[in-house]
Every structure is written in structure tokens, then in C-alpha cells.
Amino acid sequence: MAMAVFVSIITFTDPLSLLSCIGSCLQTKAAFSQQDKALRFWMIIGTSFWLTHNALAQSPTAVLMEALFISSNLMGYYRFYIAKQPVTH
């Protein structure tokens, strides 16, 4: 996380740099979460920052990629923590 902040500081160009830094930091926090629920939560928040960044940067392919990623995370979060459907094997 410190490296993401450092790189953002030395390469800062505009407010988009802040969005990418925050998104990277949140996704790093997610990657080191010990619980699946926390991992999904922080990934959704971090991906939201990247989705906003990519939309403002007018990168349609990146927007599509992040939209698919956040959709997948939201579906998983819903399935495992909201719907609470029993797992059958």
C-alpha cells in the first residue's frame, strides 16, 4: 500500500491519480483480508473507485472490465452473505 501511495505522489497529474491510488490501496487491503466477507467488501469498494476512474478517463474497455468484476463480486457477496442459500454437494 505504501508503494501505491509513493508512486501516486511522484506521478501525480490530476484528480484521476487520487482515484487510482485509493482504488489500489483498497484492493491491496482486500487482498490481505483474512475473511472472505471482508475481502469481497473491500474489493467492491476498491473496484468502484477504479470504475469511476476509468469512466472519467473515457476508457470503455476498462469500464466494461471493472463493471464485470464488480458484478461478479456483488453476485458472490449476495449469494454467500445475503441470500444465505445452503451449499449442496
PDB file of N, CA and C in Angstrom:
ATOM      1  N   MET A   1       0.827  -1.184   0.000  1.00  0.00           N
ATOM      2  CA  MET A   1       0.000   0.000   0.000  1.00  0.00           C
ATOM      3  C   MET A   1       0.876   1.255   0.000  1.00  0.00           C
ATOM      4  N   ALA A   2       1.944   1.209   0.753  1.00  0.00           N
ATOM      5  CA  ALA A   2       2.860   2.350   0.797  1.00  0.00           C
ATOM      6  C   ALA A   2       3.451   2.623  -0.578  1.00  0.00           C
ATOM      7  N   MET A   3       3.728   1.561  -1.317  1.00  0.00           N
ATOM      8  CA  MET A   3       4.286   1.722  -2.657  1.00  0.00           C
ATOM      9  C   MET A   3       3.281   2.397  -3.589  1.00  0.00           C
ATOM     10  N   ALA A   4       2.007   2.032  -3.490  1.00  0.00           N
ATOM     11  CA  ALA A   4       0.979   2.664  -4.322  1.00  0.00           C
ATOM     12  C   ALA A   4       0.886   4.156  -4.022  1.00  0.00           C
ATOM     13  N   VAL A   5       0.946   4.516  -2.757  1.00  0.00           N
ATOM     14  CA  VAL A   5       0.901   5.927  -2.363  1.00  0.00           C
ATOM     15  C   VAL A   5       2.146   6.649  -2.873  1.00  0.00           C
ATOM     16  N   PHE A   6       3.309   6.036  -2.704  1.00  0.00           N
ATOM     17  CA  PHE A   6       4.561   6.635  -3.167  1.00  0.00           C
ATOM     18  C   PHE A   6       4.538   6.888  -4.676  1.00  0.00           C
ATOM     19  N   VAL A   7       4.137   5.883  -5.433  1.00  0.00           N
ATOM     20  CA  VAL A   7       4.083   6.026  -6.895  1.00  0.00           C
ATOM     21  C   VAL A   7       3.065   7.089  -7.279  1.00  0.00           C
ATOM     22  N   SER A   8       1.939   7.134  -6.588  1.00  0.00           N
ATOM     23  CA  SER A   8       0.922   8.154  -6.886  1.00  0.00           C
ATOM     24  C   SER A   8       1.441   9.562  -6.617  1.00  0.00           C
ATOM     25  N   ILE A   9       2.225   9.710  -5.575  1.00  0.00           N
ATOM     26  CA  ILE A   9       2.776  11.027  -5.253  1.00  0.00           C
ATOM     27  C   ILE A   9       3.756  11.483  -6.323  1.00  0.00           C
ATOM     28  N   ILE A  10       4.658  10.591  -6.736  1.00  0.00           N
ATOM     29  CA  ILE A  10       5.679  11.015  -7.699  1.00  0.00           C
ATOM     30  C   ILE A  10       5.162  11.098  -9.131  1.00  0.00           C
ATOM     31  N   THR A  11       4.005  10.474  -9.410  1.00  0.00           N
ATOM     32  CA  THR A  11       3.456  10.534 -10.775  1.00  0.00           C
ATOM     33  C   THR A  11       2.161  11.343 -10.846  1.00  0.00           C
ATOM     34  N   PHE A  12       1.817  12.042  -9.761  1.00  0.00           N
ATOM     35  CA  PHE A  12       0.553  12.773  -9.702  1.00  0.00           C
ATOM     36  C   PHE A  12       0.422  13.750 -10.873  1.00  0.00           C
ATOM     37  N   THR A  13      -0.734  13.690 -11.549  1.00  0.00           N
ATOM     38  CA  THR A  13      -1.005  14.622 -12.643  1.00  0.00           C
ATOM     39  C   THR A  13      -2.324  15.372 -12.466  1.00  0.00           C
ATOM     40  N   ASP A  14      -3.324  14.699 -11.924  1.00  0.00           N
ATOM     41  CA  ASP A  14      -4.645  15.306 -11.764  1.00  0.00           C
ATOM     42  C   ASP A  14      -5.461  14.478 -10.768  1.00  0.00           C
ATOM     43  N   PRO A  15      -6.712  14.880 -10.495  1.00  0.00           N
ATOM     44  CA  PRO A  15      -7.527  14.126  -9.524  1.00  0.00           C
ATOM     45  C   PRO A  15      -7.733  12.652  -9.889  1.00  0.00           C
ATOM     46  N   LEU A  16      -7.605  12.297 -11.154  1.00  0.00           N
ATOM     47  CA  LEU A  16      -7.712  10.885 -11.517  1.00  0.00           C
ATOM     48  C   LEU A  16      -6.641  10.059 -10.822  1.00  0.00           C
ATOM     49  N   SER A  17      -5.494  10.673 -10.591  1.00  0.00           N
ATOM     50  CA  SER A  17      -4.416   9.979  -9.881  1.00  0.00           C
ATOM     51  C   SER A  17      -4.861   9.584  -8.468  1.00  0.00           C
ATOM     52  N   LEU A  18      -5.657  10.423  -7.837  1.00  0.00           N
ATOM     53  CA  LEU A  18      -6.156  10.106  -6.495  1.00  0.00           C
ATOM     54  C   LEU A  18      -7.103   8.918  -6.534  1.00  0.00           C
ATOM     55  N   LEU A  19      -7.970   8.880  -7.551  1.00  0.00           N
ATOM     56  CA  LEU A  19      -8.907   7.761  -7.664  1.00  0.00           C
ATOM     57  C   LEU A  19      -8.166   6.442  -7.837  1.00  0.00           C
ATOM     58  N   SER A  20      -7.154   6.436  -8.686  1.00  0.00           N
ATOM     59  CA  SER A  20      -6.407   5.190  -8.902  1.00  0.00           C
ATOM     60  C   SER A  20      -5.629   4.786  -7.645  1.00  0.00           C
ATOM     61  N   CYS A  21      -5.098   5.754  -6.930  1.00  0.00           N
ATOM     62  CA  CYS A  21      -4.369   5.465  -5.692  1.00  0.00           C
ATOM     63  C   CYS A  21      -5.307   4.866  -4.639  1.00  0.00           C
ATOM     64  N   ILE A  22      -6.451   5.476  -4.456  1.00  0.00           N
ATOM     65  CA  ILE A  22      -7.414   4.978  -3.468  1.00  0.00           C
ATOM     66  C   ILE A  22      -7.894   3.581  -3.863  1.00  0.00           C
ATOM     67  N   GLY A  23      -8.211   3.392  -5.149  1.00  0.00           N
ATOM     68  CA  GLY A  23      -8.644   2.074  -5.623  1.00  0.00           C
ATOM     69  C   GLY A  23      -7.583   1.020  -5.385  1.00  0.00           C
ATOM     70  N   SER A  24      -6.340   1.338  -5.680  1.00  0.00           N
ATOM     71  CA  SER A  24      -5.242   0.386  -5.465  1.00  0.00           C
ATOM     72  C   SER A  24      -5.054   0.065  -3.990  1.00  0.00           C
ATOM     73  N   CYS A  25      -5.121   1.089  -3.143  1.00  0.00           N
ATOM     74  CA  CYS A  25      -4.952   0.869  -1.703  1.00  0.00           C
ATOM     75  C   CYS A  25      -6.076  -0.009  -1.135  1.00  0.00           C
ATOM     76  N   LEU A  26      -7.295   0.248  -1.563  1.00  0.00           N
ATOM     77  CA  LEU A  26      -8.419  -0.548  -1.064  1.00  0.00           C
ATOM     78  C   LEU A  26      -8.341  -1.994  -1.543  1.00  0.00           C
ATOM     79  N   GLN A  27      -7.914  -2.192  -2.780  1.00  0.00           N
ATOM     80  CA  GLN A  27      -7.799  -3.555  -3.285  1.00  0.00           C
ATOM     81  C   GLN A  27      -6.616  -4.285  -2.646  1.00  0.00           C
ATOM     82  N   THR A  28      -5.574  -3.557  -2.278  1.00  0.00           N
ATOM     83  CA  THR A  28      -4.474  -4.168  -1.538  1.00  0.00           C
ATOM     84  C   THR A  28      -4.956  -4.586  -0.155  1.00  0.00           C
ATOM     85  N   LYS A  29      -5.727  -3.713   0.484  1.00  0.00           N
ATOM     86  CA  LYS A  29      -6.317  -4.052   1.787  1.00  0.00           C
ATOM     87  C   LYS A  29      -7.160  -5.315   1.658  1.00  0.00           C
ATOM     88  N   ALA A  30      -7.931  -5.411   0.586  1.00  0.00           N
ATOM     89  CA  ALA A  30      -8.769  -6.585   0.352  1.00  0.00           C
ATOM     90  C   ALA A  30      -7.924  -7.847   0.201  1.00  0.00           C
ATOM     91  N   ALA A  31      -6.852  -7.741  -0.547  1.00  0.00           N
ATOM     92  CA  ALA A  31      -6.007  -8.904  -0.816  1.00  0.00           C
ATOM     93  C   ALA A  31      -5.412  -9.497   0.465  1.00  0.00           C
ATOM     94  N   PHE A  32      -5.248  -8.680   1.479  1.00  0.00           N
ATOM     95  CA  PHE A  32      -4.673  -9.164   2.722  1.00  0.00           C
ATOM     96  C   PHE A  32      -5.722  -9.409   3.806  1.00  0.00           C
ATOM     97  N   SER A  33      -6.990  -9.383   3.427  1.00  0.00           N
ATOM     98  CA  SER A  33      -8.054  -9.678   4.384  1.00  0.00           C
ATOM     99  C   SER A  33      -8.052 -11.163   4.703  1.00  0.00           C
ATOM    100  N   GLN A  34      -8.288 -11.490   5.939  1.00  0.00           N
ATOM    101  CA  GLN A  34      -8.288 -12.889   6.355  1.00  0.00           C
ATOM    102  C   GLN A  34      -9.659 -13.527   6.247  1.00  0.00           C
ATOM    103  N   GLN A  35     -10.682 -12.728   6.020  1.00  0.00           N
ATOM    104  CA  GLN A  35     -12.041 -13.257   5.895  1.00  0.00           C
ATOM    105  C   GLN A  35     -12.581 -12.947   4.511  1.00  0.00           C
ATOM    106  N   ASP A  36     -13.295 -13.912   3.946  1.00  0.00           N
ATOM    107  CA  ASP A  36     -13.849 -13.755   2.606  1.00  0.00           C
ATOM    108  C   ASP A  36     -14.810 -12.577   2.516  1.00  0.00           C
ATOM    109  N   LYS A  37     -15.625 -12.399   3.550  1.00  0.00           N
ATOM    110  CA  LYS A  37     -16.604 -11.306   3.534  1.00  0.00           C
ATOM    111  C   LYS A  37     -15.914  -9.950   3.456  1.00  0.00           C
ATOM    112  N   ALA A  38     -14.857  -9.769   4.220  1.00  0.00           N
ATOM    113  CA  ALA A  38     -14.104  -8.518   4.196  1.00  0.00           C
ATOM    114  C   ALA A  38     -13.409  -8.340   2.852  1.00  0.00           C
ATOM    115  N   LEU A  39     -12.850  -9.430   2.311  1.00  0.00           N
ATOM    116  CA  LEU A  39     -12.199  -9.363   1.012  1.00  0.00           C
ATOM    117  C   LEU A  39     -13.178  -8.876  -0.050  1.00  0.00           C
ATOM    118  N   ARG A  40     -14.350  -9.490  -0.100  1.00  0.00           N
ATOM    119  CA  ARG A  40     -15.354  -9.079  -1.097  1.00  0.00           C
ATOM    120  C   ARG A  40     -15.782  -7.634  -0.909  1.00  0.00           C
ATOM    121  N   PHE A  41     -16.021  -7.242   0.349  1.00  0.00           N
ATOM    122  CA  PHE A  41     -16.451  -5.875   0.637  1.00  0.00           C
ATOM    123  C   PHE A  41     -15.423  -4.859   0.136  1.00  0.00           C
ATOM    124  N   TRP A  42     -14.143  -5.041   0.529  1.00  0.00           N
ATOM    125  CA  TRP A  42     -13.114  -4.081   0.132  1.00  0.00           C
ATOM    126  C   TRP A  42     -12.843  -4.112  -1.368  1.00  0.00           C
ATOM    127  N   MET A  43     -12.989  -5.272  -2.007  1.00  0.00           N
ATOM    128  CA  MET A  43     -12.823  -5.345  -3.466  1.00  0.00           C
ATOM    129  C   MET A  43     -13.930  -4.563  -4.172  1.00  0.00           C
ATOM    130  N   ILE A  44     -15.147  -4.657  -3.672  1.00  0.00           N
ATOM    131  CA  ILE A  44     -16.264  -3.913  -4.263  1.00  0.00           C
ATOM    132  C   ILE A  44     -16.016  -2.412  -4.143  1.00  0.00           C
ATOM    133  N   ILE A  45     -15.582  -1.969  -2.982  1.00  0.00           N
ATOM    134  CA  ILE A  45     -15.313  -0.543  -2.781  1.00  0.00           C
ATOM    135  C   ILE A  45     -14.145  -0.098  -3.658  1.00  0.00           C
ATOM    136  N   GLY A  46     -13.056  -0.856  -3.657  1.00  0.00           N
ATOM    137  CA  GLY A  46     -11.890  -0.515  -4.479  1.00  0.00           C
ATOM    138  C   GLY A  46     -12.206  -0.504  -5.962  1.00  0.00           C
ATOM    139  N   THR A  47     -12.977  -1.496  -6.394  1.00  0.00           N
ATOM    140  CA  THR A  47     -13.366  -1.557  -7.809  1.00  0.00           C
ATOM    141  C   THR A  47     -14.251  -0.379  -8.181  1.00  0.00           C
ATOM    142  N   SER A  48     -15.051   0.101  -7.245  1.00  0.00           N
ATOM    143  CA  SER A  48     -15.893   1.280  -7.511  1.00  0.00           C
ATOM    144  C   SER A  48     -15.039   2.503  -7.833  1.00  0.00           C
ATOM    145  N   PHE A  49     -13.930   2.641  -7.116  1.00  0.00           N
ATOM    146  CA  PHE A  49     -13.016   3.750  -7.409  1.00  0.00           C
ATOM    147  C   PHE A  49     -12.389   3.587  -8.793  1.00  0.00           C
ATOM    148  N   TRP A  50     -11.980   2.360  -9.136  1.00  0.00           N
ATOM    149  CA  TRP A  50     -11.397   2.121 -10.456  1.00  0.00           C
ATOM    150  C   TRP A  50     -12.439   2.309 -11.563  1.00  0.00           C
ATOM    151  N   LEU A  51     -13.676   1.900 -11.298  1.00  0.00           N
ATOM    152  CA  LEU A  51     -14.750   2.081 -12.279  1.00  0.00           C
ATOM    153  C   LEU A  51     -14.969   3.570 -12.548  1.00  0.00           C
ATOM    154  N   THR A  52     -14.989   4.361 -11.481  1.00  0.00           N
ATOM    155  CA  THR A  52     -15.136   5.814 -11.628  1.00  0.00           C
ATOM    156  C   THR A  52     -13.941   6.402 -12.373  1.00  0.00           C
ATOM    157  N   HIS A  53     -12.751   5.980 -11.997  1.00  0.00           N
ATOM    158  CA  HIS A  53     -11.530   6.438 -12.673  1.00  0.00           C
ATOM    159  C   HIS A  53     -11.604   6.159 -14.175  1.00  0.00           C
ATOM    160  N   ASN A  54     -11.931   4.928 -14.532  1.00  0.00           N
ATOM    161  CA  ASN A  54     -11.945   4.536 -15.935  1.00  0.00           C
ATOM    162  C   ASN A  54     -13.044   5.250 -16.731  1.00  0.00           C
ATOM    163  N   ALA A  55     -14.170   5.514 -16.083  1.00  0.00           N
ATOM    164  CA  ALA A  55     -15.239   6.259 -16.754  1.00  0.00           C
ATOM    165  C   ALA A  55     -14.793   7.696 -17.018  1.00  0.00           C
ATOM    166  N   LEU A  56     -14.174   8.339 -16.018  1.00  0.00           N
ATOM    167  CA  LEU A  56     -13.697   9.708 -16.195  1.00  0.00           C
ATOM    168  C   LEU A  56     -12.536   9.785 -17.184  1.00  0.00           C
ATOM    169  N   ALA A  57     -11.755   8.702 -17.279  1.00  0.00           N
ATOM    170  CA  ALA A  57     -10.648   8.647 -18.238  1.00  0.00           C
ATOM    171  C   ALA A  57     -11.136   8.271 -19.637  1.00  0.00           C
ATOM    172  N   GLN A  58     -12.433   8.023 -19.746  1.00  0.00           N
ATOM    173  CA  GLN A  58     -13.083   7.676 -21.018  1.00  0.00           C
ATOM    174  C   GLN A  58     -12.442   6.444 -21.658  1.00  0.00           C
ATOM    175  N   SER A  59     -12.328   5.391 -20.864  1.00  0.00           N
ATOM    176  CA  SER A  59     -11.768   4.123 -21.328  1.00  0.00           C
ATOM    177  C   SER A  59     -12.867   3.062 -21.282  1.00  0.00           C
ATOM    178  N   PRO A  60     -13.606   2.901 -22.385  1.00  0.00           N
ATOM    179  CA  PRO A  60     -14.759   1.997 -22.369  1.00  0.00           C
ATOM    180  C   PRO A  60     -14.400   0.537 -22.082  1.00  0.00           C
ATOM    181  N   THR A  61     -13.277   0.075 -22.566  1.00  0.00           N
ATOM    182  CA  THR A  61     -12.887  -1.311 -22.307  1.00  0.00           C
ATOM    183  C   THR A  61     -12.600  -1.516 -20.821  1.00  0.00           C
ATOM    184  N   ALA A  62     -11.906  -0.563 -20.211  1.00  0.00           N
ATOM    185  CA  ALA A  62     -11.612  -0.654 -18.782  1.00  0.00           C
ATOM    186  C   ALA A  62     -12.899  -0.551 -17.955  1.00  0.00           C
ATOM    187  N   VAL A  63     -13.837   0.284 -18.388  1.00  0.00           N
ATOM    188  CA  VAL A  63     -15.132   0.396 -17.693  1.00  0.00           C
ATOM    189  C   VAL A  63     -15.858  -0.938 -17.751  1.00  0.00           C
ATOM    190  N   LEU A  64     -15.876  -1.561 -18.916  1.00  0.00           N
ATOM    191  CA  LEU A  64     -16.539  -2.858 -19.072  1.00  0.00           C
ATOM    192  C   LEU A  64     -15.883  -3.904 -18.165  1.00  0.00           C
ATOM    193  N   MET A  65     -14.561  -3.935 -18.166  1.00  0.00           N
ATOM    194  CA  MET A  65     -13.832  -4.896 -17.340  1.00  0.00           C
ATOM    195  C   MET A  65     -14.169  -4.714 -15.858  1.00  0.00           C
ATOM    196  N   GLU A  66     -14.127  -3.484 -15.381  1.00  0.00           N
ATOM    197  CA  GLU A  66     -14.423  -3.224 -13.964  1.00  0.00           C
ATOM    198  C   GLU A  66     -15.887  -3.492 -13.644  1.00  0.00           C
ATOM    199  N   ALA A  67     -16.784  -3.178 -14.587  1.00  0.00           N
ATOM    200  CA  ALA A  67     -18.219  -3.443 -14.374  1.00  0.00           C
ATOM    201  C   ALA A  67     -18.465  -4.943 -14.234  1.00  0.00           C
ATOM    202  N   LEU A  68     -17.804  -5.743 -15.052  1.00  0.00           N
ATOM    203  CA  LEU A  68     -17.937  -7.197 -14.943  1.00  0.00           C
ATOM    204  C   LEU A  68     -17.352  -7.701 -13.626  1.00  0.00           C
ATOM    205  N   PHE A  69     -16.222  -7.148 -13.238  1.00  0.00           N
ATOM    206  CA  PHE A  69     -15.571  -7.554 -11.995  1.00  0.00           C
ATOM    207  C   PHE A  69     -16.432  -7.206 -10.783  1.00  0.00           C
ATOM    208  N   ILE A  70     -16.972  -5.994 -10.765  1.00  0.00           N
ATOM    209  CA  ILE A  70     -17.791  -5.595  -9.614  1.00  0.00           C
ATOM    210  C   ILE A  70     -19.108  -6.381  -9.599  1.00  0.00           C
ATOM    211  N   SER A  71     -19.654  -6.689 -10.773  1.00  0.00           N
ATOM    212  CA  SER A  71     -20.875  -7.502 -10.842  1.00  0.00           C
ATOM    213  C   SER A  71     -20.629  -8.884 -10.261  1.00  0.00           C
ATOM    214  N   SER A  72     -19.513  -9.475 -10.622  1.00  0.00           N
ATOM    215  CA  SER A  72     -19.157 -10.795 -10.107  1.00  0.00           C
ATOM    216  C   SER A  72     -19.013 -10.768  -8.587  1.00  0.00           C
ATOM    217  N   ASN A  73     -18.345  -9.748  -8.072  1.00  0.00           N
ATOM    218  CA  ASN A  73     -18.175  -9.626  -6.623  1.00  0.00           C
ATOM    219  C   ASN A  73     -19.501  -9.392  -5.913  1.00  0.00           C
ATOM    220  N   LEU A  74     -20.356  -8.575  -6.500  1.00  0.00           N
ATOM    221  CA  LEU A  74     -21.669  -8.323  -5.894  1.00  0.00           C
ATOM    222  C   LEU A  74     -22.516  -9.592  -5.879  1.00  0.00           C
ATOM    223  N   MET A  75     -22.467 -10.357  -6.971  1.00  0.00           N
ATOM    224  CA  MET A  75     -23.229 -11.610  -7.024  1.00  0.00           C
ATOM    225  C   MET A  75     -22.720 -12.588  -5.968  1.00  0.00           C
ATOM    226  N   GLY A  76     -21.400 -12.708  -5.845  1.00  0.00           N
ATOM    227  CA  GLY A  76     -20.831 -13.589  -4.831  1.00  0.00           C
ATOM    228  C   GLY A  76     -21.192 -13.145  -3.430  1.00  0.00           C
ATOM    229  N   TYR A  77     -21.104 -11.856  -3.165  1.00  0.00           N
ATOM    230  CA  TYR A  77     -21.445 -11.315  -1.851  1.00  0.00           C
ATOM    231  C   TYR A  77     -22.909 -11.612  -1.533  1.00  0.00           C
ATOM    232  N   TYR A  78     -23.780 -11.382  -2.524  1.00  0.00           N
ATOM    233  CA  TYR A  78     -25.210 -11.650  -2.327  1.00  0.00           C
ATOM    234  C   TYR A  78     -25.448 -13.136  -2.049  1.00  0.00           C
ATOM    235  N   ARG A  79     -24.862 -13.994  -2.880  1.00  0.00           N
ATOM    236  CA  ARG A  79     -25.069 -15.436  -2.737  1.00  0.00           C
ATOM    237  C   ARG A  79     -24.622 -15.967  -1.390  1.00  0.00           C
ATOM    238  N   PHE A  80     -23.449 -15.541  -0.949  1.00  0.00           N
ATOM    239  CA  PHE A  80     -22.887 -16.116   0.264  1.00  0.00           C
ATOM    240  C   PHE A  80     -23.293 -15.417   1.552  1.00  0.00           C
ATOM    241  N   TYR A  81     -23.655 -14.136   1.479  1.00  0.00           N
ATOM    242  CA  TYR A  81     -23.884 -13.404   2.723  1.00  0.00           C
ATOM    243  C   TYR A  81     -25.252 -12.764   2.858  1.00  0.00           C
ATOM    244  N   ILE A  82     -26.019 -12.703   1.782  1.00  0.00           N
ATOM    245  CA  ILE A  82     -27.355 -12.113   1.890  1.00  0.00           C
ATOM    246  C   ILE A  82     -28.420 -13.177   1.692  1.00  0.00           C
ATOM    247  N   ALA A  83     -28.326 -13.936   0.603  1.00  0.00           N
ATOM    248  CA  ALA A  83     -29.315 -14.976   0.317  1.00  0.00           C
ATOM    249  C   ALA A  83     -29.171 -16.144   1.279  1.00  0.00           C
ATOM    250  N   LYS A  84     -27.954 -16.418   1.728  1.00  0.00           N
ATOM    251  CA  LYS A  84     -27.654 -17.489   2.665  1.00  0.00           C
ATOM    252  C   LYS A  84     -28.248 -18.835   2.246  1.00  0.00           C
ATOM    253  N   GLN A  85     -28.052 -19.162   0.996  1.00  0.00           N
ATOM    254  CA  GLN A  85     -28.515 -20.448   0.497  1.00  0.00           C
ATOM    255  C   GLN A  85     -27.562 -21.533   0.961  1.00  0.00           C
ATOM    256  N   PRO A  86     -28.113 -22.659   1.371  1.00  0.00           N
ATOM    257  CA  PRO A  86     -27.213 -23.754   1.793  1.00  0.00           C
ATOM    258  C   PRO A  86     -26.437 -24.301   0.598  1.00  0.00           C
ATOM    259  N   VAL A  87     -25.208 -24.668   0.848  1.00  0.00           N
ATOM    260  CA  VAL A  87     -24.355 -25.232  -0.196  1.00  0.00           C
ATOM    261  C   VAL A  87     -24.622 -26.730  -0.265  1.00  0.00           C
ATOM    262  N   THR A  88     -24.917 -27.222  -1.460  1.00  0.00           N
ATOM    263  CA  THR A  88     -25.137 -28.651  -1.648  1.00  0.00           C
ATOM    264  C   THR A  88     -24.021 -29.228  -2.490  1.00  0.00           C
ATOM    265  N   HIS A  89     -23.633 -30.431  -2.146  1.00  0.00           N
ATOM    266  CA  HIS A  89     -22.547 -31.089  -2.873  1.00  0.00           C
ATOM    267  C   HIS A  89     -23.024 -32.382  -3.480  1.00  0.00           C
TER     268      HIS A  89
END
